[in-house]
C-alpha cells in the first residue's frame, strides 16, 4: 500500500511501447527507492 509500480523495461522502450503495461514487467518500489533507481546508476532487471 506504500509502493509505486515501476516498469522494469522502460515504458517507452521498444519491448514495451507506450500503452502496453504487463505484470511480468512491473515491480513494486517505495517512493524513495523508485526515485533512487531512476536517478542513480543502479538498475533493475527481470530474470
ModelCIF file with pLDDT and N, C-alpha, C, O atoms, coordinates in Angstrom:
data_MODEL
#
_entry.id   MODEL 
#
_entity.id                         1 
_entity.type                       polymer 
_entity.pdbx_number_of_molecules   1 
#
_entity_poly.entity_id                      1 
_entity_poly.type                           'polypeptide(L)' 
_entity_poly.nstd_linkage                   no 
_entity_poly.nstd_monomer                   no 
_entity_poly.pdbx_seq_one_letter_code       
;(UNK)(UNK)(UNK)(UNK)(UNK)(UNK)(UNK)(UNK)(UNK)(UNK)(UNK)(UNK)(UNK)(UNK)(UNK)(UNK)
(UNK)(UNK)(UNK)(UNK)(UNK)(UNK)(UNK)(UNK)(UNK)(UNK)(UNK)(UNK)(UNK)(UNK)(UNK)(UNK)
(UNK)(UNK)(UNK)(UNK)(UNK)(UNK)(UNK)(UNK)(UNK)(UNK)(UNK)(UNK)(UNK)(UNK)(UNK)
;
_entity_poly.pdbx_seq_one_letter_code_can   XXXXXXXXXXXXXXXXXXXXXXXXXXXXXXXXXXXXXXXXXXXXXXX 
_entity_poly.pdbx_strand_id                 A 
#
loop_
_entity_poly_seq.entity_id 
_entity_poly_seq.num 
_entity_poly_seq.mon_id 
_entity_poly_seq.hetero 
1 1  UNK n 
1 2  UNK n 
1 3  UNK n 
1 4  UNK n 
1 5  UNK n 
1 6  UNK n 
1 7  UNK n 
1 8  UNK n 
1 9  UNK n 
1 10 UNK n 
1 11 UNK n 
1 12 UNK n 
1 13 UNK n 
1 14 UNK n 
1 15 UNK n 
1 16 UNK n 
1 17 UNK n 
1 18 UNK n 
1 19 UNK n 
1 20 UNK n 
1 21 UNK n 
1 22 UNK n 
1 23 UNK n 
1 24 UNK n 
1 25 UNK n 
1 26 UNK n 
1 27 UNK n 
1 28 UNK n 
1 29 UNK n 
1 30 UNK n 
1 31 UNK n 
1 32 UNK n 
1 33 UNK n 
1 34 UNK n 
1 35 UNK n 
1 36 UNK n 
1 37 UNK n 
1 38 UNK n 
1 39 UNK n 
1 40 UNK n 
1 41 UNK n 
1 42 UNK n 
1 43 UNK n 
1 44 UNK n 
1 45 UNK n 
1 46 UNK n 
1 47 UNK n 
#
_struct_asym.id          A 
_struct_asym.entity_id   1 
#
loop_
_ma_qa_metric.id 
_ma_qa_metric.mode 
_ma_qa_metric.name 
_ma_qa_metric.software_group_id 
_ma_qa_metric.type 
1 global pLDDT . pLDDT 
2 local  pLDDT . pLDDT 
#
_ma_qa_metric_global.metric_id      1 
_ma_qa_metric_global.metric_value   73.17 
_ma_qa_metric_global.model_id       1 
_ma_qa_metric_global.ordinal_id     1 
#
loop_
_ma_qa_metric_local.label_asym_id 
_ma_qa_metric_local.label_comp_id 
_ma_qa_metric_local.label_seq_id 
_ma_qa_metric_local.metric_id 
_ma_qa_metric_local.metric_value 
_ma_qa_metric_local.model_id 
_ma_qa_metric_local.ordinal_id 
A UNK 1  2 79.00 1 1  
A UNK 2  2 81.00 1 2  
A UNK 3  2 85.00 1 3  
A UNK 4  2 84.00 1 4  
A UNK 5  2 82.00 1 5  
A UNK 6  2 83.00 1 6  
A UNK 7  2 78.00 1 7  
A UNK 8  2 76.00 1 8  
A UNK 9  2 71.00 1 9  
A UNK 10 2 67.00 1 10 
A UNK 11 2 57.00 1 11 
A UNK 12 2 57.00 1 12 
A UNK 13 2 48.00 1 13 
A UNK 14 2 49.00 1 14 
A UNK 15 2 46.00 1 15 
A UNK 16 2 43.00 1 16 
A UNK 17 2 51.00 1 17 
A UNK 18 2 47.00 1 18 
A UNK 19 2 37.00 1 19 
A UNK 20 2 49.00 1 20 
A UNK 21 2 63.00 1 21 
A UNK 22 2 67.00 1 22 
A UNK 23 2 68.00 1 23 
A UNK 24 2 71.00 1 24 
A UNK 25 2 73.00 1 25 
A UNK 26 2 80.00 1 26 
A UNK 27 2 84.00 1 27 
A UNK 28 2 87.00 1 28 
A UNK 29 2 87.00 1 29 
A UNK 30 2 87.00 1 30 
A UNK 31 2 84.00 1 31 
A UNK 32 2 85.00 1 32 
A UNK 33 2 87.00 1 33 
A UNK 34 2 86.00 1 34 
A UNK 35 2 82.00 1 35 
A UNK 36 2 82.00 1 36 
A UNK 37 2 83.00 1 37 
A UNK 38 2 78.00 1 38 
A UNK 39 2 78.00 1 39 
A UNK 40 2 80.00 1 40 
A UNK 41 2 82.00 1 41 
A UNK 42 2 86.00 1 42 
A UNK 43 2 85.00 1 43 
A UNK 44 2 84.00 1 44 
A UNK 45 2 82.00 1 45 
A UNK 46 2 80.00 1 46 
A UNK 47 2 78.00 1 47 
#
loop_
_atom_site.group_PDB 
_atom_site.id 
_atom_site.type_symbol 
_atom_site.label_atom_id 
_atom_site.label_alt_id 
_atom_site.label_comp_id 
_atom_site.label_asym_id 
_atom_site.label_entity_id 
_atom_site.label_seq_id 
_atom_site.pdbx_PDB_ins_code 
_atom_site.Cartn_x 
_atom_site.Cartn_y 
_atom_site.Cartn_z 
_atom_site.occupancy 
_atom_site.B_iso_or_equiv 
_atom_site.pdbx_formal_charge 
_atom_site.auth_seq_id 
_atom_site.auth_comp_id 
_atom_site.auth_asym_id 
_atom_site.auth_atom_id 
_atom_site.pdbx_PDB_model_num 
ATOM 1   N N  . UNK A 1 1  ? 0.811  -1.220  0.000   1.00 79.00 ? 1  UNK A N  1 
ATOM 2   C CA . UNK A 1 1  ? 0.000  0.000   0.000   1.00 79.00 ? 1  UNK A CA 1 
ATOM 3   C C  . UNK A 1 1  ? 0.841  1.265   0.000   1.00 79.00 ? 1  UNK A C  1 
ATOM 4   O O  . UNK A 1 1  ? 0.317  2.348   -0.259  1.00 79.00 ? 1  UNK A O  1 
ATOM 5   N N  . UNK A 1 2  ? 2.135  1.152   0.286   1.00 81.00 ? 2  UNK A N  1 
ATOM 6   C CA . UNK A 1 2  ? 3.025  2.306   0.324   1.00 81.00 ? 2  UNK A CA 1 
ATOM 7   C C  . UNK A 1 2  ? 3.925  2.352   -0.907  1.00 81.00 ? 2  UNK A C  1 
ATOM 8   O O  . UNK A 1 2  ? 4.858  3.152   -0.966  1.00 81.00 ? 2  UNK A O  1 
ATOM 9   N N  . UNK A 1 3  ? 3.648  1.498   -1.887  1.00 85.00 ? 3  UNK A N  1 
ATOM 10  C CA . UNK A 1 3  ? 4.570  1.355   -3.017  1.00 85.00 ? 3  UNK A CA 1 
ATOM 11  C C  . UNK A 1 3  ? 4.001  1.953   -4.298  1.00 85.00 ? 3  UNK A C  1 
ATOM 12  O O  . UNK A 1 3  ? 2.797  2.173   -4.430  1.00 85.00 ? 3  UNK A O  1 
ATOM 13  N N  . UNK A 1 4  ? 4.904  2.205   -5.229  1.00 84.00 ? 4  UNK A N  1 
ATOM 14  C CA . UNK A 1 4  ? 4.589  2.635   -6.581  1.00 84.00 ? 4  UNK A CA 1 
ATOM 15  C C  . UNK A 1 4  ? 4.972  1.507   -7.536  1.00 84.00 ? 4  UNK A C  1 
ATOM 16  O O  . UNK A 1 4  ? 5.792  0.653   -7.199  1.00 84.00 ? 4  UNK A O  1 
ATOM 17  N N  . UNK A 1 5  ? 4.382  1.510   -8.714  1.00 82.00 ? 5  UNK A N  1 
ATOM 18  C CA . UNK A 1 5  ? 4.656  0.451   -9.675  1.00 82.00 ? 5  UNK A CA 1 
ATOM 19  C C  . UNK A 1 5  ? 5.676  0.927   -10.701 1.00 82.00 ? 5  UNK A C  1 
ATOM 20  O O  . UNK A 1 5  ? 5.500  1.969   -11.332 1.00 82.00 ? 5  UNK A O  1 
ATOM 21  N N  . UNK A 1 6  ? 6.737  0.157   -10.859 1.00 83.00 ? 6  UNK A N  1 
ATOM 22  C CA . UNK A 1 6  ? 7.832  0.521   -11.760 1.00 83.00 ? 6  UNK A CA 1 
ATOM 23  C C  . UNK A 1 6  ? 7.888  -0.451  -12.926 1.00 83.00 ? 6  UNK A C  1 
ATOM 24  O O  . UNK A 1 6  ? 7.717  -1.657  -12.747 1.00 83.00 ? 6  UNK A O  1 
ATOM 25  N N  . UNK A 1 7  ? 8.131  0.080   -14.134 1.00 78.00 ? 7  UNK A N  1 
ATOM 26  C CA . UNK A 1 7  ? 8.327  -0.760  -15.306 1.00 78.00 ? 7  UNK A CA 1 
ATOM 27  C C  . UNK A 1 7  ? 9.793  -1.192  -15.354 1.00 78.00 ? 7  UNK A C  1 
ATOM 28  O O  . UNK A 1 7  ? 10.683 -0.353  -15.494 1.00 78.00 ? 7  UNK A O  1 
ATOM 29  N N  . UNK A 1 8  ? 10.042 -2.486  -15.237 1.00 76.00 ? 8  UNK A N  1 
ATOM 30  C CA . UNK A 1 8  ? 11.423 -2.976  -15.285 1.00 76.00 ? 8  UNK A CA 1 
ATOM 31  C C  . UNK A 1 8  ? 12.057 -2.613  -16.620 1.00 76.00 ? 8  UNK A C  1 
ATOM 32  O O  . UNK A 1 8  ? 13.167 -2.083  -16.665 1.00 76.00 ? 8  UNK A O  1 
ATOM 33  N N  . UNK A 1 9  ? 11.335 -2.905  -17.726 1.00 71.00 ? 9  UNK A N  1 
ATOM 34  C CA . UNK A 1 9  ? 11.729 -2.394  -19.028 1.00 71.00 ? 9  UNK A CA 1 
ATOM 35  C C  . UNK A 1 9  ? 10.999 -1.074  -19.214 1.00 71.00 ? 9  UNK A C  1 
ATOM 36  O O  . UNK A 1 9  ? 9.781  -1.004  -19.047 1.00 71.00 ? 9  UNK A O  1 
ATOM 37  N N  . UNK A 1 10 ? 11.733 -0.039  -19.555 1.00 67.00 ? 10 UNK A N  1 
ATOM 38  C CA . UNK A 1 10 ? 11.155 1.300   -19.579 1.00 67.00 ? 10 UNK A CA 1 
ATOM 39  C C  . UNK A 1 10 ? 9.878  1.345   -20.399 1.00 67.00 ? 10 UNK A C  1 
ATOM 40  O O  . UNK A 1 10 ? 9.745  0.666   -21.417 1.00 67.00 ? 10 UNK A O  1 
ATOM 41  N N  . UNK A 1 11 ? 8.962  2.143   -19.941 1.00 57.00 ? 11 UNK A N  1 
ATOM 42  C CA . UNK A 1 11 ? 7.649  2.240   -20.585 1.00 57.00 ? 11 UNK A CA 1 
ATOM 43  C C  . UNK A 1 11 ? 7.764  2.687   -22.042 1.00 57.00 ? 11 UNK A C  1 
ATOM 44  O O  . UNK A 1 11 ? 6.906  2.354   -22.860 1.00 57.00 ? 11 UNK A O  1 
ATOM 45  N N  . UNK A 1 12 ? 8.817  3.438   -22.373 1.00 57.00 ? 12 UNK A N  1 
ATOM 46  C CA . UNK A 1 12 ? 8.974  3.950   -23.737 1.00 57.00 ? 12 UNK A CA 1 
ATOM 47  C C  . UNK A 1 12 ? 9.933  3.091   -24.556 1.00 57.00 ? 12 UNK A C  1 
ATOM 48  O O  . UNK A 1 12 ? 10.312 3.486   -25.659 1.00 57.00 ? 12 UNK A O  1 
ATOM 49  N N  . UNK A 1 13 ? 10.339 1.910   -24.040 1.00 48.00 ? 13 UNK A N  1 
ATOM 50  C CA . UNK A 1 13 ? 11.287 1.077   -24.767 1.00 48.00 ? 13 UNK A CA 1 
ATOM 51  C C  . UNK A 1 13 ? 10.602 0.349   -25.916 1.00 48.00 ? 13 UNK A C  1 
ATOM 52  O O  . UNK A 1 13 ? 9.375  0.321   -26.011 1.00 48.00 ? 13 UNK A O  1 
ATOM 53  N N  . UNK A 1 14 ? 11.429 -0.247  -26.797 1.00 49.00 ? 14 UNK A N  1 
ATOM 54  C CA . UNK A 1 14 ? 10.878 -0.975  -27.942 1.00 49.00 ? 14 UNK A CA 1 
ATOM 55  C C  . UNK A 1 14 ? 10.094 -2.200  -27.504 1.00 49.00 ? 14 UNK A C  1 
ATOM 56  O O  . UNK A 1 14 ? 9.087  -2.552  -28.118 1.00 49.00 ? 14 UNK A O  1 
ATOM 57  N N  . UNK A 1 15 ? 10.562 -2.864  -26.421 1.00 46.00 ? 15 UNK A N  1 
ATOM 58  C CA . UNK A 1 15 ? 9.894  -4.080  -25.963 1.00 46.00 ? 15 UNK A CA 1 
ATOM 59  C C  . UNK A 1 15 ? 8.531  -3.797  -25.359 1.00 46.00 ? 15 UNK A C  1 
ATOM 60  O O  . UNK A 1 15 ? 7.619  -4.620  -25.449 1.00 46.00 ? 15 UNK A O  1 
ATOM 61  N N  . UNK A 1 16 ? 8.398  -2.648  -24.750 1.00 43.00 ? 16 UNK A N  1 
ATOM 62  C CA . UNK A 1 16 ? 7.128  -2.277  -24.114 1.00 43.00 ? 16 UNK A CA 1 
ATOM 63  C C  . UNK A 1 16 ? 6.754  -0.876  -24.578 1.00 43.00 ? 16 UNK A C  1 
ATOM 64  O O  . UNK A 1 16 ? 7.008  0.093   -23.862 1.00 43.00 ? 16 UNK A O  1 
ATOM 65  N N  . UNK A 1 17 ? 6.154  -0.745  -25.762 1.00 51.00 ? 17 UNK A N  1 
ATOM 66  C CA . UNK A 1 17 ? 5.819  0.573   -26.296 1.00 51.00 ? 17 UNK A CA 1 
ATOM 67  C C  . UNK A 1 17 ? 4.744  1.247   -25.455 1.00 51.00 ? 17 UNK A C  1 
ATOM 68  O O  . UNK A 1 17 ? 4.086  0.583   -24.653 1.00 51.00 ? 17 UNK A O  1 
ATOM 69  N N  . UNK A 1 18 ? 4.552  2.556   -25.623 1.00 47.00 ? 18 UNK A N  1 
ATOM 70  C CA . UNK A 1 18 ? 3.544  3.282   -24.845 1.00 47.00 ? 18 UNK A CA 1 
ATOM 71  C C  . UNK A 1 18 ? 2.169  2.634   -24.945 1.00 47.00 ? 18 UNK A C  1 
ATOM 72  O O  . UNK A 1 18 ? 1.730  2.239   -26.025 1.00 47.00 ? 18 UNK A O  1 
ATOM 73  N N  . UNK A 1 19 ? 1.506  2.533   -23.813 1.00 37.00 ? 19 UNK A N  1 
ATOM 74  C CA . UNK A 1 19 ? 0.168  1.973   -23.772 1.00 37.00 ? 19 UNK A CA 1 
ATOM 75  C C  . UNK A 1 19 ? 0.135  0.520   -23.362 1.00 37.00 ? 19 UNK A C  1 
ATOM 76  O O  . UNK A 1 19 ? -0.934 0.008   -23.031 1.00 37.00 ? 19 UNK A O  1 
ATOM 77  N N  . UNK A 1 20 ? 1.287  -0.178  -23.371 1.00 49.00 ? 20 UNK A N  1 
ATOM 78  C CA . UNK A 1 20 ? 1.316  -1.587  -23.002 1.00 49.00 ? 20 UNK A CA 1 
ATOM 79  C C  . UNK A 1 20 ? 1.996  -1.738  -21.650 1.00 49.00 ? 20 UNK A C  1 
ATOM 80  O O  . UNK A 1 20 ? 3.165  -1.388  -21.492 1.00 49.00 ? 20 UNK A O  1 
ATOM 81  N N  . UNK A 1 21 ? 1.266  -2.255  -20.686 1.00 63.00 ? 21 UNK A N  1 
ATOM 82  C CA . UNK A 1 21 ? 1.782  -2.442  -19.328 1.00 63.00 ? 21 UNK A CA 1 
ATOM 83  C C  . UNK A 1 21 ? 1.455  -3.854  -18.887 1.00 63.00 ? 21 UNK A C  1 
ATOM 84  O O  . UNK A 1 21 ? 0.288  -4.236  -18.798 1.00 63.00 ? 21 UNK A O  1 
ATOM 85  N N  . UNK A 1 22 ? 2.527  -4.650  -18.602 1.00 67.00 ? 22 UNK A N  1 
ATOM 86  C CA . UNK A 1 22 ? 2.364  -6.062  -18.276 1.00 67.00 ? 22 UNK A CA 1 
ATOM 87  C C  . UNK A 1 22 ? 2.815  -6.345  -16.852 1.00 67.00 ? 22 UNK A C  1 
ATOM 88  O O  . UNK A 1 22 ? 3.716  -5.686  -16.332 1.00 67.00 ? 22 UNK A O  1 
ATOM 89  N N  . UNK A 1 23 ? 2.183  -7.327  -16.229 1.00 68.00 ? 23 UNK A N  1 
ATOM 90  C CA . UNK A 1 23 ? 2.548  -7.706  -14.867 1.00 68.00 ? 23 UNK A CA 1 
ATOM 91  C C  . UNK A 1 23 ? 3.986  -8.212  -14.815 1.00 68.00 ? 23 UNK A C  1 
ATOM 92  O O  . UNK A 1 23 ? 4.721  -7.920  -13.872 1.00 68.00 ? 23 UNK A O  1 
ATOM 93  N N  . UNK A 1 24 ? 4.388  -8.981  -15.846 1.00 71.00 ? 24 UNK A N  1 
ATOM 94  C CA . UNK A 1 24 ? 5.746  -9.526  -15.846 1.00 71.00 ? 24 UNK A CA 1 
ATOM 95  C C  . UNK A 1 24 ? 6.801  -8.437  -16.002 1.00 71.00 ? 24 UNK A C  1 
ATOM 96  O O  . UNK A 1 24 ? 7.993  -8.687  -15.826 1.00 71.00 ? 24 UNK A O  1 
ATOM 97  N N  . UNK A 1 25 ? 6.357  -7.235  -16.331 1.00 73.00 ? 25 UNK A N  1 
ATOM 98  C CA . UNK A 1 25 ? 7.300  -6.122  -16.473 1.00 73.00 ? 25 UNK A CA 1 
ATOM 99  C C  . UNK A 1 25 ? 7.163  -5.136  -15.320 1.00 73.00 ? 25 UNK A C  1 
ATOM 100 O O  . UNK A 1 25 ? 7.839  -4.107  -15.311 1.00 73.00 ? 25 UNK A O  1 
ATOM 101 N N  . UNK A 1 26 ? 6.310  -5.425  -14.358 1.00 80.00 ? 26 UNK A N  1 
ATOM 102 C CA . UNK A 1 26 ? 6.076  -4.488  -13.260 1.00 80.00 ? 26 UNK A CA 1 
ATOM 103 C C  . UNK A 1 26 ? 6.610  -4.999  -11.942 1.00 80.00 ? 26 UNK A C  1 
ATOM 104 O O  . UNK A 1 26 ? 6.530  -6.194  -11.658 1.00 80.00 ? 26 UNK A O  1 
ATOM 105 N N  . UNK A 1 27 ? 7.147  -4.118  -11.147 1.00 84.00 ? 27 UNK A N  1 
ATOM 106 C CA . UNK A 1 27 ? 7.607  -4.439  -9.797  1.00 84.00 ? 27 UNK A CA 1 
ATOM 107 C C  . UNK A 1 27 ? 7.192  -3.313  -8.865  1.00 84.00 ? 27 UNK A C  1 
ATOM 108 O O  . UNK A 1 27 ? 6.975  -2.182  -9.299  1.00 84.00 ? 27 UNK A O  1 
ATOM 109 N N  . UNK A 1 28 ? 7.084  -3.629  -7.588  1.00 87.00 ? 28 UNK A N  1 
ATOM 110 C CA . UNK A 1 28 ? 6.707  -2.643  -6.591  1.00 87.00 ? 28 UNK A CA 1 
ATOM 111 C C  . UNK A 1 28 ? 7.959  -2.036  -5.954  1.00 87.00 ? 28 UNK A C  1 
ATOM 112 O O  . UNK A 1 28 ? 8.882  -2.751  -5.564  1.00 87.00 ? 28 UNK A O  1 
ATOM 113 N N  . UNK A 1 29 ? 7.970  -0.711  -5.858  1.00 87.00 ? 29 UNK A N  1 
ATOM 114 C CA . UNK A 1 29 ? 9.055  0.023   -5.197  1.00 87.00 ? 29 UNK A CA 1 
ATOM 115 C C  . UNK A 1 29 ? 8.435  1.142   -4.364  1.00 87.00 ? 29 UNK A C  1 
ATOM 116 O O  . UNK A 1 29 ? 7.476  1.785   -4.792  1.00 87.00 ? 29 UNK A O  1 
ATOM 117 N N  . UNK A 1 30 ? 8.984  1.368   -3.185  1.00 87.00 ? 30 UNK A N  1 
ATOM 118 C CA . UNK A 1 30 ? 8.535  2.519   -2.407  1.00 87.00 ? 30 UNK A CA 1 
ATOM 119 C C  . UNK A 1 30 ? 9.001  3.793   -3.114  1.00 87.00 ? 30 UNK A C  1 
ATOM 120 O O  . UNK A 1 30 ? 9.847  3.742   -4.006  1.00 87.00 ? 30 UNK A O  1 
ATOM 121 N N  . UNK A 1 31 ? 8.448  4.923   -2.711  1.00 84.00 ? 31 UNK A N  1 
ATOM 122 C CA . UNK A 1 31 ? 8.757  6.179   -3.402  1.00 84.00 ? 31 UNK A CA 1 
ATOM 123 C C  . UNK A 1 31 ? 10.247 6.475   -3.385  1.00 84.00 ? 31 UNK A C  1 
ATOM 124 O O  . UNK A 1 31 ? 10.811 6.891   -4.397  1.00 84.00 ? 31 UNK A O  1 
ATOM 125 N N  . UNK A 1 32 ? 10.885 6.263   -2.240  1.00 85.00 ? 32 UNK A N  1 
ATOM 126 C CA . UNK A 1 32 ? 12.309 6.594   -2.138  1.00 85.00 ? 32 UNK A CA 1 
ATOM 127 C C  . UNK A 1 32 ? 13.145 5.731   -3.078  1.00 85.00 ? 32 UNK A C  1 
ATOM 128 O O  . UNK A 1 32 ? 13.967 6.249   -3.834  1.00 85.00 ? 32 UNK A O  1 
ATOM 129 N N  . UNK A 1 33 ? 12.935 4.414   -3.034  1.00 87.00 ? 33 UNK A N  1 
ATOM 130 C CA . UNK A 1 33 ? 13.742 3.540   -3.872  1.00 87.00 ? 33 UNK A CA 1 
ATOM 131 C C  . UNK A 1 33 ? 13.366 3.665   -5.347  1.00 87.00 ? 33 UNK A C  1 
ATOM 132 O O  . UNK A 1 33 ? 14.208 3.437   -6.215  1.00 87.00 ? 33 UNK A O  1 
ATOM 133 N N  . UNK A 1 34 ? 12.123 4.020   -5.642  1.00 86.00 ? 34 UNK A N  1 
ATOM 134 C CA . UNK A 1 34 ? 11.718 4.282   -7.021  1.00 86.00 ? 34 UNK A CA 1 
ATOM 135 C C  . UNK A 1 34 ? 12.492 5.484   -7.562  1.00 86.00 ? 34 UNK A C  1 
ATOM 136 O O  . UNK A 1 34 ? 13.043 5.443   -8.662  1.00 86.00 ? 34 UNK A O  1 
ATOM 137 N N  . UNK A 1 35 ? 12.522 6.549   -6.771  1.00 82.00 ? 35 UNK A N  1 
ATOM 138 C CA . UNK A 1 35 ? 13.270 7.744   -7.164  1.00 82.00 ? 35 UNK A CA 1 
ATOM 139 C C  . UNK A 1 35 ? 14.754 7.439   -7.276  1.00 82.00 ? 35 UNK A C  1 
ATOM 140 O O  . UNK A 1 35 ? 15.417 7.870   -8.220  1.00 82.00 ? 35 UNK A O  1 
ATOM 141 N N  . UNK A 1 36 ? 15.277 6.683   -6.294  1.00 82.00 ? 36 UNK A N  1 
ATOM 142 C CA . UNK A 1 36 ? 16.697 6.346   -6.276  1.00 82.00 ? 36 UNK A CA 1 
ATOM 143 C C  . UNK A 1 36 ? 17.085 5.546   -7.526  1.00 82.00 ? 36 UNK A C  1 
ATOM 144 O O  . UNK A 1 36 ? 18.160 5.755   -8.090  1.00 82.00 ? 36 UNK A O  1 
ATOM 145 N N  . UNK A 1 37 ? 16.222 4.645   -7.950  1.00 83.00 ? 37 UNK A N  1 
ATOM 146 C CA . UNK A 1 37 ? 16.509 3.804   -9.103  1.00 83.00 ? 37 UNK A CA 1 
ATOM 147 C C  . UNK A 1 37 ? 16.588 4.629   -10.378 1.00 83.00 ? 37 UNK A C  1 
ATOM 148 O O  . UNK A 1 37 ? 17.444 4.390   -11.230 1.00 83.00 ? 37 UNK A O  1 
ATOM 149 N N  . UNK A 1 38 ? 15.683 5.608   -10.507 1.00 78.00 ? 38 UNK A N  1 
ATOM 150 C CA . UNK A 1 38 ? 15.665 6.421   -11.715 1.00 78.00 ? 38 UNK A CA 1 
ATOM 151 C C  . UNK A 1 38 ? 16.825 7.409   -11.781 1.00 78.00 ? 38 UNK A C  1 
ATOM 152 O O  . UNK A 1 38 ? 17.251 7.791   -12.871 1.00 78.00 ? 38 UNK A O  1 
ATOM 153 N N  . UNK A 1 39 ? 17.336 7.824   -10.635 1.00 78.00 ? 39 UNK A N  1 
ATOM 154 C CA . UNK A 1 39 ? 18.343 8.869   -10.609 1.00 78.00 ? 39 UNK A CA 1 
ATOM 155 C C  . UNK A 1 39 ? 19.767 8.343   -10.453 1.00 78.00 ? 39 UNK A C  1 
ATOM 156 O O  . UNK A 1 39 ? 20.723 9.078   -10.701 1.00 78.00 ? 39 UNK A O  1 
ATOM 157 N N  . UNK A 1 40 ? 19.922 7.092   -10.049 1.00 80.00 ? 40 UNK A N  1 
ATOM 158 C CA . UNK A 1 40 ? 21.251 6.562   -9.746  1.00 80.00 ? 40 UNK A CA 1 
ATOM 159 C C  . UNK A 1 40 ? 21.715 5.604   -10.834 1.00 80.00 ? 40 UNK A C  1 
ATOM 160 O O  . UNK A 1 40 ? 21.050 5.412   -11.852 1.00 80.00 ? 40 UNK A O  1 
ATOM 161 N N  . UNK A 1 41 ? 22.882 5.008   -10.585 1.00 82.00 ? 41 UNK A N  1 
ATOM 162 C CA . UNK A 1 41 ? 23.448 4.050   -11.545 1.00 82.00 ? 41 UNK A CA 1 
ATOM 163 C C  . UNK A 1 41 ? 22.953 2.628   -11.306 1.00 82.00 ? 41 UNK A C  1 
ATOM 164 O O  . UNK A 1 41 ? 23.342 1.707   -12.025 1.00 82.00 ? 41 UNK A O  1 
ATOM 165 N N  . UNK A 1 42 ? 22.105 2.443   -10.308 1.00 86.00 ? 42 UNK A N  1 
ATOM 166 C CA . UNK A 1 42 ? 21.533 1.120   -10.062 1.00 86.00 ? 42 UNK A CA 1 
ATOM 167 C C  . UNK A 1 42 ? 20.517 0.790   -11.166 1.00 86.00 ? 42 UNK A C  1 
ATOM 168 O O  . UNK A 1 42 ? 19.872 1.684   -11.715 1.00 86.00 ? 42 UNK A O  1 
ATOM 169 N N  . UNK A 1 43 ? 20.388 -0.482  -11.476 1.00 85.00 ? 43 UNK A N  1 
ATOM 170 C CA . UNK A 1 43 ? 19.432 -0.933  -12.475 1.00 85.00 ? 43 UNK A CA 1 
ATOM 171 C C  . UNK A 1 43 ? 18.583 -2.046  -11.894 1.00 85.00 ? 43 UNK A C  1 
ATOM 172 O O  . UNK A 1 43 ? 18.979 -2.710  -10.936 1.00 85.00 ? 43 UNK A O  1 
ATOM 173 N N  . UNK A 1 44 ? 17.406 -2.244  -12.485 1.00 84.00 ? 44 UNK A N  1 
ATOM 174 C CA . UNK A 1 44 ? 16.528 -3.340  -12.086 1.00 84.00 ? 44 UNK A CA 1 
ATOM 175 C C  . UNK A 1 44 ? 16.173 -4.120  -13.339 1.00 84.00 ? 44 UNK A C  1 
ATOM 176 O O  . UNK A 1 44 ? 15.683 -3.551  -14.315 1.00 84.00 ? 44 UNK A O  1 
ATOM 177 N N  . UNK A 1 45 ? 16.421 -5.425  -13.311 1.00 82.00 ? 45 UNK A N  1 
ATOM 178 C CA . UNK A 1 45 ? 16.124 -6.286  -14.458 1.00 82.00 ? 45 UNK A CA 1 
ATOM 179 C C  . UNK A 1 45 ? 15.297 -7.468  -13.980 1.00 82.00 ? 45 UNK A C  1 
ATOM 180 O O  . UNK A 1 45 ? 15.278 -7.799  -12.795 1.00 82.00 ? 45 UNK A O  1 
ATOM 181 N N  . UNK A 1 46 ? 14.605 -8.106  -14.944 1.00 80.00 ? 46 UNK A N  1 
ATOM 182 C CA . UNK A 1 46 ? 13.811 -9.292  -14.635 1.00 80.00 ? 46 UNK A CA 1 
ATOM 183 C C  . UNK A 1 46 ? 14.546 -10.530 -15.156 1.00 80.00 ? 46 UNK A C  1 
ATOM 184 O O  . UNK A 1 46 ? 15.008 -10.551 -16.297 1.00 80.00 ? 46 UNK A O  1 
ATOM 185 N N  . UNK A 1 47 ? 14.648 -11.552 -14.315 1.00 78.00 ? 47 UNK A N  1 
ATOM 186 C CA . UNK A 1 47 ? 15.224 -12.829 -14.716 1.00 78.00 ? 47 UNK A CA 1 
ATOM 187 C C  . UNK A 1 47 ? 14.244 -13.934 -14.344 1.00 78.00 ? 47 UNK A C  1 
ATOM 188 O O  . UNK A 1 47 ? 14.517 -15.109 -14.588 1.00 78.00 ? 47 UNK A O  1 
#
